[in-house]
Amino acid sequence: LVLIVAAGFLRHIYYVSGLTSGVPLGLVAGMGVGLYFIAPWMWMTHLA
């Protein structure tokens, strides 16, 4: 369920930014969300 929520919001982000096609662009944008938003947040909580 959490992953459905995450995918739903990532879809929203893609839609409002105009990214509605292009698998390579979708892959890189998704990777950026994980690498530059989620992973650093995890690192902060792991540090704490």
All heavy atoms as atom14 arrays in JSON, in Angstrom:
{
  "sequence": "LVLIVAAGFLRHIYYVSGLTSGVPLGLVAGMGVGLYFIAPWMWMTHLA",
  "atom14_mask": [
    [1, 1, 1, 1, 1, 1, 1, 1, 0, 0, 0, 0, 0, 0],
    [1, 1, 1, 1, 1, 1, 1, 0, 0, 0, 0, 0, 0, 0],
    [1, 1, 1, 1, 1, 1, 1, 1, 0, 0, 0, 0, 0, 0],
    [1, 1, 1, 1, 1, 1, 1, 1, 0, 0, 0, 0, 0, 0],
    [1, 1, 1, 1, 1, 1, 1, 0, 0, 0, 0, 0, 0, 0],
    [1, 1, 1, 1, 1, 0, 0, 0, 0, 0, 0, 0, 0, 0],
    [1, 1, 1, 1, 1, 0, 0, 0, 0, 0, 0, 0, 0, 0],
    [1, 1, 1, 1, 0, 0, 0, 0, 0, 0, 0, 0, 0, 0],
    [1, 1, 1, 1, 1, 1, 1, 1, 1, 1, 1, 0, 0, 0],
    [1, 1, 1, 1, 1, 1, 1, 1, 0, 0, 0, 0, 0, 0],
    [1, 1, 1, 1, 1, 1, 1, 1, 1, 1, 1, 0, 0, 0],
    [1, 1, 1, 1, 1, 1, 1, 1, 1, 1, 0, 0, 0, 0],
    [1, 1, 1, 1, 1, 1, 1, 1, 0, 0, 0, 0, 0, 0],
    [1, 1, 1, 1, 1, 1, 1, 1, 1, 1, 1, 1, 0, 0],
    [1, 1, 1, 1, 1, 1, 1, 1, 1, 1, 1, 1, 0, 0],
    [1, 1, 1, 1, 1, 1, 1, 0, 0, 0, 0, 0, 0, 0],
    [1, 1, 1, 1, 1, 1, 0, 0, 0, 0, 0, 0, 0, 0],
    [1, 1, 1, 1, 0, 0, 0, 0, 0, 0, 0, 0, 0, 0],
    [1, 1, 1, 1, 1, 1, 1, 1, 0, 0, 0, 0, 0, 0],
    [1, 1, 1, 1, 1, 1, 1, 0, 0, 0, 0, 0, 0, 0],
    [1, 1, 1, 1, 1, 1, 0, 0, 0, 0, 0, 0, 0, 0],
    [1, 1, 1, 1, 0, 0, 0, 0, 0, 0, 0, 0, 0, 0],
    [1, 1, 1, 1, 1, 1, 1, 0, 0, 0, 0, 0, 0, 0],
    [1, 1, 1, 1, 1, 1, 1, 0, 0, 0, 0, 0, 0, 0],
    [1, 1, 1, 1, 1, 1, 1, 1, 0, 0, 0, 0, 0, 0],
    [1, 1, 1, 1, 0, 0, 0, 0, 0, 0, 0, 0, 0, 0],
    [1, 1, 1, 1, 1, 1, 1, 1, 0, 0, 0, 0, 0, 0],
    [1, 1, 1, 1, 1, 1, 1, 0, 0, 0, 0, 0, 0, 0],
    [1, 1, 1, 1, 1, 0, 0, 0, 0, 0, 0, 0, 0, 0],
    [1, 1, 1, 1, 0, 0, 0, 0, 0, 0, 0, 0, 0, 0],
    [1, 1, 1, 1, 1, 1, 1, 1, 0, 0, 0, 0, 0, 0],
    [1, 1, 1, 1, 0, 0, 0, 0, 0, 0, 0, 0, 0, 0],
    [1, 1, 1, 1, 1, 1, 1, 0, 0, 0, 0, 0, 0, 0],
    [1, 1, 1, 1, 0, 0, 0, 0, 0, 0, 0, 0, 0, 0],
    [1, 1, 1, 1, 1, 1, 1, 1, 0, 0, 0, 0, 0, 0],
    [1, 1, 1, 1, 1, 1, 1, 1, 1, 1, 1, 1, 0, 0],
    [1, 1, 1, 1, 1, 1, 1, 1, 1, 1, 1, 0, 0, 0],
    [1, 1, 1, 1, 1, 1, 1, 1, 0, 0, 0, 0, 0, 0],
    [1, 1, 1, 1, 1, 0, 0, 0, 0, 0, 0, 0, 0, 0],
    [1, 1, 1, 1, 1, 1, 1, 0, 0, 0, 0, 0, 0, 0],
    [1, 1, 1, 1, 1, 1, 1, 1, 1, 1, 1, 1, 1, 1],
    [1, 1, 1, 1, 1, 1, 1, 1, 0, 0, 0, 0, 0, 0],
    [1, 1, 1, 1, 1, 1, 1, 1, 1, 1, 1, 1, 1, 1],
    [1, 1, 1, 1, 1, 1, 1, 1, 0, 0, 0, 0, 0, 0],
    [1, 1, 1, 1, 1, 1, 1, 0, 0, 0, 0, 0, 0, 0],
    [1, 1, 1, 1, 1, 1, 1, 1, 1, 1, 0, 0, 0, 0],
    [1, 1, 1, 1, 1, 1, 1, 1, 0, 0, 0, 0, 0, 0],
    [1, 1, 1, 1, 1, 0, 0, 0, 0, 0, 0, 0, 0, 0]
  ],
  "atom14_positions": [
    [[0.82, -1.22, 0.0], [0.0, 0.0, 0.0], [0.85, 1.26, 0.0], [0.54, 2.23, -0.69], [-0.94, 0.0, 1.2], [-2.04, -1.07, 1.19], [-2.82, -1.07, 2.5], [-2.95, -0.9, 0.0], [0.0, 0.0, 0.0], [0.0, 0.0, 0.0], [0.0, 0.0, 0.0], [0.0, 0.0, 0.0], [0.0, 0.0, 0.0], [0.0, 0.0, 0.0]],
    [[1.94, 1.24, 0.76], [2.84, 2.39, 0.79], [3.44, 2.63, -0.59], [3.55, 3.77, -1.05], [3.95, 2.19, 1.85], [5.08, 3.18, 1.68], [3.37, 2.27, 3.24], [0.0, 0.0, 0.0], [0.0, 0.0, 0.0], [0.0, 0.0, 0.0], [0.0, 0.0, 0.0], [0.0, 0.0, 0.0], [0.0, 0.0, 0.0], [0.0, 0.0, 0.0]],
    [[3.81, 1.57, -1.29], [4.37, 1.72, -2.63], [3.33, 2.21, -3.63], [3.66, 2.94, -4.56], [5.02, 0.42, -3.09], [6.33, 0.1, -2.37], [6.83, -1.29, -2.74], [7.4, 1.14, -2.67], [0.0, 0.0, 0.0], [0.0, 0.0, 0.0], [0.0, 0.0, 0.0], [0.0, 0.0, 0.0], [0.0, 0.0, 0.0], [0.0, 0.0, 0.0]],
    [[2.06, 1.85, -3.43], [1.0, 2.4, -4.29], [0.89, 3.91, -4.07], [0.78, 4.68, -5.03], [-0.35, 1.7, -4.03], [-0.3, 0.25, -4.53], [-1.5, 2.45, -4.69], [-1.48, -0.6, -4.1], [0.0, 0.0, 0.0], [0.0, 0.0, 0.0], [0.0, 0.0, 0.0], [0.0, 0.0, 0.0], [0.0, 0.0, 0.0], [0.0, 0.0, 0.0]],
    [[0.94, 4.33, -2.82], [0.89, 5.77, -2.52], [2.09, 6.48, -3.14], [1.96, 7.53, -3.76], [0.83, 6.01, -0.99], [1.03, 7.47, -0.66], [-0.49, 5.5, -0.43], [0.0, 0.0, 0.0], [0.0, 0.0, 0.0], [0.0, 0.0, 0.0], [0.0, 0.0, 0.0], [0.0, 0.0, 0.0], [0.0, 0.0, 0.0], [0.0, 0.0, 0.0]],
    [[3.29, 5.89, -2.98], [4.5, 6.5, -3.55], [4.41, 6.58, -5.07], [4.74, 7.63, -5.66], [5.73, 5.71, -3.12], [0.0, 0.0, 0.0], [0.0, 0.0, 0.0], [0.0, 0.0, 0.0], [0.0, 0.0, 0.0], [0.0, 0.0, 0.0], [0.0, 0.0, 0.0], [0.0, 0.0, 0.0], [0.0, 0.0, 0.0], [0.0, 0.0, 0.0]],
    [[3.97, 5.51, -5.71], [3.84, 5.53, -7.17], [2.78, 6.53, -7.61], [2.95, 7.21, -8.63], [3.5, 4.13, -7.68], [0.0, 0.0, 0.0], [0.0, 0.0, 0.0], [0.0, 0.0, 0.0], [0.0, 0.0, 0.0], [0.0, 0.0, 0.0], [0.0, 0.0, 0.0], [0.0, 0.0, 0.0], [0.0, 0.0, 0.0], [0.0, 0.0, 0.0]],
    [[1.72, 6.63, -6.85], [0.67, 7.61, -7.18], [1.18, 9.03, -7.11], [0.88, 9.86, -7.98], [0.0, 0.0, 0.0], [0.0, 0.0, 0.0], [0.0, 0.0, 0.0], [0.0, 0.0, 0.0], [0.0, 0.0, 0.0], [0.0, 0.0, 0.0], [0.0, 0.0, 0.0], [0.0, 0.0, 0.0], [0.0, 0.0, 0.0], [0.0, 0.0, 0.0]],
    [[1.96, 9.33, -6.09], [2.47, 10.7, -6.0], [3.56, 10.96, -7.03], [3.65, 12.06, -7.58], [2.96, 11.04, -4.6], [3.17, 12.51, -4.43], [2.07, 13.36, -4.35], [4.43, 13.06, -4.42], [2.24, 14.73, -4.25], [4.6, 14.44, -4.31], [3.51, 15.28, -4.21], [0.0, 0.0, 0.0], [0.0, 0.0, 0.0], [0.0, 0.0, 0.0]],
    [[4.37, 9.94, -7.32], [5.37, 10.12, -8.38], [4.66, 10.37, -9.72], [5.11, 11.2, -10.51], [6.27, 8.88, -8.47], [7.5, 9.0, -9.36], [8.4, 10.15, -8.93], [8.27, 7.7, -9.37], [0.0, 0.0, 0.0], [0.0, 0.0, 0.0], [0.0, 0.0, 0.0], [0.0, 0.0, 0.0], [0.0, 0.0, 0.0], [0.0, 0.0, 0.0]],
    [[3.55, 9.7, -9.94], [2.74, 9.96, -11.14], [2.27, 11.4, -11.17], [2.32, 12.06, -12.19], [1.54, 9.01, -11.19], [0.66, 9.24, -12.39], [-0.81, 9.14, -12.0], [-1.67, 9.46, -13.11], [-2.17, 10.67, -13.33], [-1.88, 11.68, -12.55], [-2.95, 10.9, -14.35], [0.0, 0.0, 0.0], [0.0, 0.0, 0.0], [0.0, 0.0, 0.0]],
    [[1.82, 11.89, -10.02], [1.38, 13.29, -9.93], [2.52, 14.24, -10.28], [2.35, 15.19, -11.04], [0.84, 13.57, -8.53], [0.59, 15.02, -8.27], [-0.46, 15.7, -8.83], [1.29, 15.92, -7.52], [-0.42, 16.97, -8.43], [0.63, 17.12, -7.64], [0.0, 0.0, 0.0], [0.0, 0.0, 0.0], [0.0, 0.0, 0.0], [0.0, 0.0, 0.0]],
    [[3.68, 13.99, -9.72], [4.85, 14.83, -10.0], [5.16, 14.81, -11.5], [5.42, 15.85, -12.11], [6.07, 14.37, -9.18], [5.85, 14.65, -7.69], [7.35, 15.04, -9.67], [6.88, 14.0, -6.79], [0.0, 0.0, 0.0], [0.0, 0.0, 0.0], [0.0, 0.0, 0.0], [0.0, 0.0, 0.0], [0.0, 0.0, 0.0], [0.0, 0.0, 0.0]],
    [[5.15, 13.63, -12.09], [5.42, 13.52, -13.52], [4.38, 14.29, -14.33], [4.72, 14.99, -15.27], [5.41, 12.06, -13.95], [6.67, 11.29, -13.66], [7.63, 11.75, -12.78], [6.89, 10.07, -14.27], [8.77, 11.03, -12.52], [8.04, 9.35, -14.02], [8.97, 9.83, -13.14], [10.1, 9.11, -12.91], [0.0, 0.0, 0.0], [0.0, 0.0, 0.0]],
    [[3.12, 14.13, -13.98], [2.04, 14.76, -14.73], [2.15, 16.28, -14.69], [2.08, 16.94, -15.73], [0.69, 14.3, -14.21], [-0.46, 14.87, -14.99], [-0.8, 14.36, -16.23], [-1.2, 15.94, -14.48], [-1.85, 14.9, -16.96], [-2.25, 16.48, -15.2], [-2.57, 15.96, -16.44], [-3.6, 16.5, -17.16], [0.0, 0.0, 0.0], [0.0, 0.0, 0.0]],
    [[2.33, 16.86, -13.5], [2.38, 18.32, -13.41], [3.66, 18.89, -14.02], [3.7, 20.06, -14.38], [2.18, 18.84, -11.96], [0.82, 18.45, -11.44], [3.27, 18.37, -11.04], [0.0, 0.0, 0.0], [0.0, 0.0, 0.0], [0.0, 0.0, 0.0], [0.0, 0.0, 0.0], [0.0, 0.0, 0.0], [0.0, 0.0, 0.0], [0.0, 0.0, 0.0]],
    [[4.7, 18.07, -14.13], [5.93, 18.56, -14.74], [5.97, 18.3, -16.25], [6.91, 18.71, -16.92], [7.15, 17.91, -14.08], [7.18, 16.54, -14.36], [0.0, 0.0, 0.0], [0.0, 0.0, 0.0], [0.0, 0.0, 0.0], [0.0, 0.0, 0.0], [0.0, 0.0, 0.0], [0.0, 0.0, 0.0], [0.0, 0.0, 0.0], [0.0, 0.0, 0.0]],
    [[4.95, 17.6, -16.77], [4.89, 17.36, -18.2], [5.61, 16.11, -18.66], [5.72, 15.86, -19.86], [0.0, 0.0, 0.0], [0.0, 0.0, 0.0], [0.0, 0.0, 0.0], [0.0, 0.0, 0.0], [0.0, 0.0, 0.0], [0.0, 0.0, 0.0], [0.0, 0.0, 0.0], [0.0, 0.0, 0.0], [0.0, 0.0, 0.0], [0.0, 0.0, 0.0]],
    [[6.09, 15.31, -17.75], [6.79, 14.08, -18.11], [5.75, 12.96, -18.21], [5.4, 12.32, -17.23], [7.85, 13.72, -17.06], [8.64, 12.43, -17.26], [9.34, 12.42, -18.61], [9.65, 12.25, -16.15], [0.0, 0.0, 0.0], [0.0, 0.0, 0.0], [0.0, 0.0, 0.0], [0.0, 0.0, 0.0], [0.0, 0.0, 0.0], [0.0, 0.0, 0.0]],
    [[5.23, 12.77, -19.41], [4.17, 11.77, -19.6], [4.56, 10.69, -20.58], [3.77, 9.78, -20.84], [2.88, 12.45, -20.08], [3.16, 13.17, -21.28], [2.32, 13.38, -19.03], [0.0, 0.0, 0.0], [0.0, 0.0, 0.0], [0.0, 0.0, 0.0], [0.0, 0.0, 0.0], [0.0, 0.0, 0.0], [0.0, 0.0, 0.0], [0.0, 0.0, 0.0]],
    [[5.75, 10.74, -21.14], [6.22, 9.69, -22.03], [7.74, 9.67, -22.01], [8.38, 10.61, -21.57], [5.71, 9.92, -23.45], [6.23, 11.13, -23.97], [0.0, 0.0, 0.0], [0.0, 0.0, 0.0], [0.0, 0.0, 0.0], [0.0, 0.0, 0.0], [0.0, 0.0, 0.0], [0.0, 0.0, 0.0], [0.0, 0.0, 0.0], [0.0, 0.0, 0.0]],
    [[8.28, 8.57, -22.5], [9.74, 8.44, -22.57], [10.27, 7.62, -21.41], [10.57, 8.17, -20.34], [0.0, 0.0, 0.0], [0.0, 0.0, 0.0], [0.0, 0.0, 0.0], [0.0, 0.0, 0.0], [0.0, 0.0, 0.0], [0.0, 0.0, 0.0], [0.0, 0.0, 0.0], [0.0, 0.0, 0.0], [0.0, 0.0, 0.0], [0.0, 0.0, 0.0]],
    [[10.38, 6.32, -21.62], [10.84, 5.42, -20.56], [12.21, 5.83, -20.0], [12.39, 5.85, -18.78], [10.82, 3.95, -21.04], [11.48, 3.03, -20.03], [9.38, 3.51, -21.32], [0.0, 0.0, 0.0], [0.0, 0.0, 0.0], [0.0, 0.0, 0.0], [0.0, 0.0, 0.0], [0.0, 0.0, 0.0], [0.0, 0.0, 0.0], [0.0, 0.0, 0.0]],
    [[13.2, 6.17, -20.83], [14.49, 6.57, -20.26], [14.37, 7.8, -19.34], [15.0, 7.84, -18.29], [15.36, 6.87, -21.48], [14.77, 6.08, -22.58], [13.29, 6.09, -22.31], [0.0, 0.0, 0.0], [0.0, 0.0, 0.0], [0.0, 0.0, 0.0], [0.0, 0.0, 0.0], [0.0, 0.0, 0.0], [0.0, 0.0, 0.0], [0.0, 0.0, 0.0]],
    [[13.57, 8.77, -19.76], [13.38, 9.96, -18.91], [12.67, 9.61, -17.61], [13.02, 10.11, -16.54], [12.6, 11.04, -19.66], [13.31, 11.72, -20.81], [12.37, 12.65, -21.55], [14.52, 12.47, -20.3], [0.0, 0.0, 0.0], [0.0, 0.0, 0.0], [0.0, 0.0, 0.0], [0.0, 0.0, 0.0], [0.0, 0.0, 0.0], [0.0, 0.0, 0.0]],
    [[11.66, 8.75, -17.69], [10.95, 8.31, -16.49], [11.86, 7.57, -15.54], [11.81, 7.77, -14.33], [0.0, 0.0, 0.0], [0.0, 0.0, 0.0], [0.0, 0.0, 0.0], [0.0, 0.0, 0.0], [0.0, 0.0, 0.0], [0.0, 0.0, 0.0], [0.0, 0.0, 0.0], [0.0, 0.0, 0.0], [0.0, 0.0, 0.0], [0.0, 0.0, 0.0]],
    [[12.72, 6.72, -16.1], [13.66, 5.97, -15.28], [14.63, 6.9, -14.56], [14.84, 6.79, -13.36], [14.42, 4.96, -16.15], [15.36, 4.05, -15.39], [15.12, 2.61, -15.81], [16.8, 4.43, -15.67], [0.0, 0.0, 0.0], [0.0, 0.0, 0.0], [0.0, 0.0, 0.0], [0.0, 0.0, 0.0], [0.0, 0.0, 0.0], [0.0, 0.0, 0.0]],
    [[15.21, 7.83, -15.3], [16.2, 8.74, -14.71], [15.54, 9.66, -13.67], [16.11, 9.9, -12.6], [16.92, 9.55, -15.81], [17.76, 10.68, -15.22], [17.78, 8.63, -16.65], [0.0, 0.0, 0.0], [0.0, 0.0, 0.0], [0.0, 0.0, 0.0], [0.0, 0.0, 0.0], [0.0, 0.0, 0.0], [0.0, 0.0, 0.0], [0.0, 0.0, 0.0]],
    [[14.35, 10.15, -13.96], [13.66, 11.01, -13.0], [13.31, 10.24, -11.74], [13.48, 10.74, -10.62], [12.41, 11.61, -13.64], [0.0, 0.0, 0.0], [0.0, 0.0, 0.0], [0.0, 0.0, 0.0], [0.0, 0.0, 0.0], [0.0, 0.0, 0.0], [0.0, 0.0, 0.0], [0.0, 0.0, 0.0], [0.0, 0.0, 0.0], [0.0, 0.0, 0.0]],
    [[12.84, 9.01, -11.9], [12.54, 8.18, -10.73], [13.79, 7.88, -9.93], [13.78, 7.93, -8.69], [0.0, 0.0, 0.0], [0.0, 0.0, 0.0], [0.0, 0.0, 0.0], [0.0, 0.0, 0.0], [0.0, 0.0, 0.0], [0.0, 0.0, 0.0], [0.0, 0.0, 0.0], [0.0, 0.0, 0.0], [0.0, 0.0, 0.0], [0.0, 0.0, 0.0]],
    [[14.87, 7.57, -10.62], [16.13, 7.31, -9.94], [16.59, 8.54, -9.16], [17.09, 8.43, -8.05], [17.2, 6.9, -10.95], [18.5, 6.46, -10.31], [19.76, 6.0, -11.52], [18.95, 4.66, -12.38], [0.0, 0.0, 0.0], [0.0, 0.0, 0.0], [0.0, 0.0, 0.0], [0.0, 0.0, 0.0], [0.0, 0.0, 0.0], [0.0, 0.0, 0.0]],
    [[16.38, 9.71, -9.74], [16.75, 10.94, -9.05], [15.97, 11.15, -7.78], [16.52, 11.58, -6.76], [0.0, 0.0, 0.0], [0.0, 0.0, 0.0], [0.0, 0.0, 0.0], [0.0, 0.0, 0.0], [0.0, 0.0, 0.0], [0.0, 0.0, 0.0], [0.0, 0.0, 0.0], [0.0, 0.0, 0.0], [0.0, 0.0, 0.0], [0.0, 0.0, 0.0]],
    [[14.68, 10.82, -7.8], [13.86, 10.94, -6.59], [14.42, 10.02, -5.5], [14.57, 10.42, -4.34], [12.38, 10.61, -6.89], [11.58, 10.43, -5.61], [11.77, 11.7, -7.75], [0.0, 0.0, 0.0], [0.0, 0.0, 0.0], [0.0, 0.0, 0.0], [0.0, 0.0, 0.0], [0.0, 0.0, 0.0], [0.0, 0.0, 0.0], [0.0, 0.0, 0.0]],
    [[14.74, 8.78, -5.86], [15.28, 7.86, -4.88], [16.65, 8.26, -4.37], [16.92, 8.23, -3.16], [0.0, 0.0, 0.0], [0.0, 0.0, 0.0], [0.0, 0.0, 0.0], [0.0, 0.0, 0.0], [0.0, 0.0, 0.0], [0.0, 0.0, 0.0], [0.0, 0.0, 0.0], [0.0, 0.0, 0.0], [0.0, 0.0, 0.0], [0.0, 0.0, 0.0]],
    [[17.5, 8.68, -5.29], [18.89, 8.99, -4.94], [19.05, 10.32, -4.21], [19.88, 10.44, -3.31], [19.75, 8.98, -6.21], [21.25, 9.13, -6.04], [21.82, 8.0, -5.19], [21.92, 9.16, -7.41], [0.0, 0.0, 0.0], [0.0, 0.0, 0.0], [0.0, 0.0, 0.0], [0.0, 0.0, 0.0], [0.0, 0.0, 0.0], [0.0, 0.0, 0.0]],
    [[18.24, 11.31, -4.59], [18.44, 12.65, -4.04], [17.4, 13.09, -3.03], [17.57, 14.14, -2.39], [18.54, 13.67, -5.18], [19.74, 13.41, -6.05], [19.59, 12.92, -7.34], [21.02, 13.6, -5.57], [20.69, 12.66, -8.14], [22.13, 13.34, -6.35], [21.95, 12.87, -7.63], [23.04, 12.6, -8.41], [0.0, 0.0, 0.0], [0.0, 0.0, 0.0]],
    [[16.31, 12.34, -2.87], [15.32, 12.67, -1.85], [15.24, 11.57, -0.78], [15.4, 11.84, 0.4], [13.92, 12.87, -2.46], [13.77, 14.14, -3.22], [13.83, 14.14, -4.6], [13.57, 15.34, -2.56], [13.7, 15.32, -5.31], [13.44, 16.52, -3.27], [13.5, 16.51, -4.64], [0.0, 0.0, 0.0], [0.0, 0.0, 0.0], [0.0, 0.0, 0.0]],
    [[14.94, 10.33, -1.22], [14.68, 9.27, -0.26], [15.95, 8.79, 0.44], [15.98, 8.67, 1.66], [13.95, 8.1, -0.95], [12.63, 8.59, -1.55], [13.68, 6.98, 0.05], [11.95, 7.59, -2.45], [0.0, 0.0, 0.0], [0.0, 0.0, 0.0], [0.0, 0.0, 0.0], [0.0, 0.0, 0.0], [0.0, 0.0, 0.0], [0.0, 0.0, 0.0]],
    [[16.98, 8.48, -0.32], [18.21, 7.96, 0.28], [18.84, 8.93, 1.29], [19.22, 8.51, 2.39], [19.21, 7.56, -0.81], [0.0, 0.0, 0.0], [0.0, 0.0, 0.0], [0.0, 0.0, 0.0], [0.0, 0.0, 0.0], [0.0, 0.0, 0.0], [0.0, 0.0, 0.0], [0.0, 0.0, 0.0], [0.0, 0.0, 0.0], [0.0, 0.0, 0.0]],
    [[18.94, 10.23, 0.98], [19.49, 11.14, 2.0], [18.62, 11.2, 3.25], [19.13, 11.33, 4.37], [19.54, 12.49, 1.29], [19.61, 12.16, -0.15], [18.79, 10.92, -0.31], [0.0, 0.0, 0.0], [0.0, 0.0, 0.0], [0.0, 0.0, 0.0], [0.0, 0.0, 0.0], [0.0, 0.0, 0.0], [0.0, 0.0, 0.0], [0.0, 0.0, 0.0]],
    [[17.32, 11.11, 3.09], [16.42, 11.14, 4.24], [16.66, 9.9, 5.11], [16.68, 9.98, 6.34], [14.97, 11.19, 3.78], [14.12, 12.02, 4.68], [13.65, 11.65, 5.9], [13.66, 13.34, 4.46], [12.9, 12.66, 6.44], [12.89, 13.71, 5.56], [13.81, 14.24, 3.4], [12.27, 14.95, 5.66], [13.18, 15.46, 3.51], [12.43, 15.81, 4.62]],
    [[16.82, 8.76, 4.46], [17.14, 7.53, 5.2], [18.47, 7.68, 5.93], [18.61, 7.24, 7.06], [17.24, 6.34, 4.24], [15.94, 5.82, 3.76], [16.27, 4.41, 2.68], [14.61, 3.97, 2.26], [0.0, 0.0, 0.0], [0.0, 0.0, 0.0], [0.0, 0.0, 0.0], [0.0, 0.0, 0.0], [0.0, 0.0, 0.0], [0.0, 0.0, 0.0]],
    [[19.43, 8.3, 5.26], [20.74, 8.47, 5.87], [20.63, 9.32, 7.14], [21.23, 9.0, 8.16], [21.69, 9.12, 4.87], [23.13, 9.15, 5.28], [23.71, 8.51, 6.33], [24.18, 9.86, 4.63], [25.05, 8.77, 6.37], [25.36, 9.6, 5.33], [24.22, 10.69, 3.53], [26.58, 10.14, 4.97], [25.44, 11.22, 3.16], [26.6, 10.95, 3.88]],
    [[19.81, 10.38, 7.07], [19.62, 11.21, 8.28], [19.02, 10.4, 9.43], [19.47, 10.52, 10.56], [18.72, 12.41, 7.97], [19.37, 13.49, 7.17], [18.37, 14.99, 7.05], [16.83, 14.4, 6.41], [0.0, 0.0, 0.0], [0.0, 0.0, 0.0], [0.0, 0.0, 0.0], [0.0, 0.0, 0.0], [0.0, 0.0, 0.0], [0.0, 0.0, 0.0]],
    [[18.01, 9.59, 9.14], [17.4, 8.82, 10.21], [18.34, 7.73, 10.71], [18.39, 7.45, 11.9], [16.05, 8.2, 9.78], [16.25, 7.35, 8.66], [15.05, 9.28, 9.45], [0.0, 0.0, 0.0], [0.0, 0.0, 0.0], [0.0, 0.0, 0.0], [0.0, 0.0, 0.0], [0.0, 0.0, 0.0], [0.0, 0.0, 0.0], [0.0, 0.0, 0.0]],
    [[19.13, 7.14, 9.81], [20.11, 6.15, 10.24], [21.19, 6.79, 11.1], [21.65, 6.19, 12.08], [20.72, 5.44, 9.04], [19.76, 4.53, 8.34], [20.02, 4.01, 7.1], [18.54, 4.04, 8.67], [19.01, 3.25, 6.7], [18.1, 3.26, 7.65], [0.0, 0.0, 0.0], [0.0, 0.0, 0.0], [0.0, 0.0, 0.0], [0.0, 0.0, 0.0]],
    [[21.6, 8.0, 10.73], [22.58, 8.72, 11.56], [22.01, 8.99, 12.95], [22.69, 8.79, 13.97], [22.96, 10.05, 10.91], [23.95, 9.99, 9.75], [24.04, 11.35, 9.07], [25.31, 9.54, 10.23], [0.0, 0.0, 0.0], [0.0, 0.0, 0.0], [0.0, 0.0, 0.0], [0.0, 0.0, 0.0], [0.0, 0.0, 0.0], [0.0, 0.0, 0.0]],
    [[20.77, 9.43, 13.01], [20.13, 9.73, 14.29], [19.98, 8.48, 15.16], [20.06, 8.56, 16.38], [18.77, 10.38, 14.07], [0.0, 0.0, 0.0], [0.0, 0.0, 0.0], [0.0, 0.0, 0.0], [0.0, 0.0, 0.0], [0.0, 0.0, 0.0], [0.0, 0.0, 0.0], [0.0, 0.0, 0.0], [0.0, 0.0, 0.0], [0.0, 0.0, 0.0]]
  ]
}
